[in-house]
Amino acid sequence: DHARAYRIYRNLALEGTSRNATWKVGYCLDLGYGVDRNRTAAVEWYRKAAAQDDVPEAMYNLGVSYLHGEGVARDASKAAVWF
C-alpha cells in the first residue's frame, strides 16, 4: 500500500530517524506513489536528504530533476554537480 508507505516514510523523515526515509518521501512525491504527484516538493525532500549526508539516491534524483527541469528550472550545470 503506497499511501501507508508514504505516511511511514514521512513520519520517520520528520522525526529525523532515517535519512533513507527522507529521500523516499521525495521519491513518492516525484512519482505520485501514495500521494498526489508534486515534483517541486519532491525536489525539496531530495535536497533535505542530500544535505543529511551521503545519500546517493537523493543526489542522483536531484541531478535528474535539474537535467529535465522537473520541479525546478532546467539547469545542466546544477545537474552535473548532483551526478
Protein backbone atom coordinates (compact mmCIF):
# COMPACT_ATOMS: atom_id res chain seq x y z
CA ASP A 1 0.00 0.00 0.00
CA HIS A 2 1.79 3.10 -1.27
CA ALA A 3 -0.21 5.55 0.83
CA ARG A 4 0.74 3.73 4.03
CA ALA A 5 4.39 3.55 2.98
CA TYR A 6 4.40 7.29 2.23
CA ARG A 7 2.99 8.09 5.67
CA ILE A 8 5.56 5.87 7.39
CA TYR A 9 8.47 7.36 5.41
CA ARG A 10 7.24 10.90 6.08
CA ASN A 11 6.90 10.29 9.82
CA LEU A 12 10.39 8.79 10.01
CA ALA A 13 11.82 11.66 7.97
CA LEU A 14 10.16 14.28 10.17
CA GLU A 15 11.47 12.52 13.28
CA GLY A 16 14.95 12.58 11.76
CA THR A 17 15.46 8.90 12.46
CA SER A 18 16.07 7.77 8.88
CA ARG A 19 17.89 9.60 6.11
CA ASN A 20 16.69 6.93 3.67
CA ALA A 21 13.12 7.78 4.59
CA THR A 22 13.79 11.40 3.65
CA TRP A 23 14.73 10.63 0.05
CA LYS A 24 11.90 8.08 -0.18
CA VAL A 25 9.38 10.80 0.71
CA GLY A 26 10.77 12.75 -2.24
CA TYR A 27 10.55 9.69 -4.45
CA CYS A 28 6.89 9.09 -3.53
CA LEU A 29 6.09 12.74 -4.29
CA ASP A 30 8.08 12.61 -7.53
CA LEU A 31 6.17 9.61 -8.87
CA GLY A 32 2.85 10.06 -7.11
CA TYR A 33 3.15 6.87 -5.04
CA GLY A 34 0.59 7.06 -2.25
CA VAL A 35 0.30 10.83 -2.54
CA ASP A 36 -0.54 13.39 -5.20
CA ARG A 37 2.40 13.92 -7.54
CA ASN A 38 4.31 17.09 -6.66
CA ARG A 39 7.72 17.38 -8.23
CA THR A 40 8.53 20.72 -6.60
CA ALA A 41 8.00 19.20 -3.15
CA ALA A 42 9.96 16.12 -4.24
CA VAL A 43 12.99 18.28 -5.03
CA GLU A 44 12.81 19.85 -1.56
CA TRP A 45 12.83 16.41 0.07
CA TYR A 46 15.70 15.28 -2.16
CA ARG A 47 17.65 18.37 -1.05
CA LYS A 48 16.96 17.60 2.62
CA ALA A 49 18.18 14.04 2.15
CA ALA A 50 21.30 15.13 0.25
CA ALA A 51 22.12 17.64 2.99
CA GLN A 52 21.88 14.99 5.71
CA ASP A 53 24.87 13.05 4.47
CA ASP A 54 25.91 10.92 1.54
CA VAL A 55 22.55 9.77 0.14
CA PRO A 56 23.36 8.86 -3.47
CA GLU A 57 19.74 8.20 -4.44
CA ALA A 58 18.73 11.74 -3.46
CA MET A 59 21.74 13.24 -5.21
CA TYR A 60 21.01 11.31 -8.40
CA ASN A 61 17.32 12.27 -8.34
CA LEU A 62 18.27 15.92 -7.87
CA GLY A 63 20.51 15.63 -10.92
CA VAL A 64 17.69 14.13 -12.96
CA SER A 65 15.30 16.85 -11.78
CA TYR A 66 17.68 19.60 -12.89
CA LEU A 67 18.55 17.86 -16.14
CA HIS A 68 14.89 17.57 -17.19
CA GLY A 69 13.52 20.65 -15.44
CA GLU A 70 11.13 18.65 -13.27
CA GLY A 71 10.21 20.57 -10.12
CA VAL A 72 13.00 23.08 -10.78
CA ALA A 73 14.22 25.16 -13.69
CA ARG A 74 16.25 23.15 -16.17
CA ASP A 75 19.95 23.61 -15.42
CA ALA A 76 22.54 21.24 -16.86
CA SER A 77 25.31 22.73 -14.70
CA LYS A 78 23.43 22.01 -11.48
CA ALA A 79 22.52 18.56 -12.79
CA ALA A 80 26.21 17.79 -13.32
CA VAL A 81 27.01 18.80 -9.73
CA TRP A 82 24.50 16.30 -8.35
CA PHE A 83 25.54 13.47 -10.69
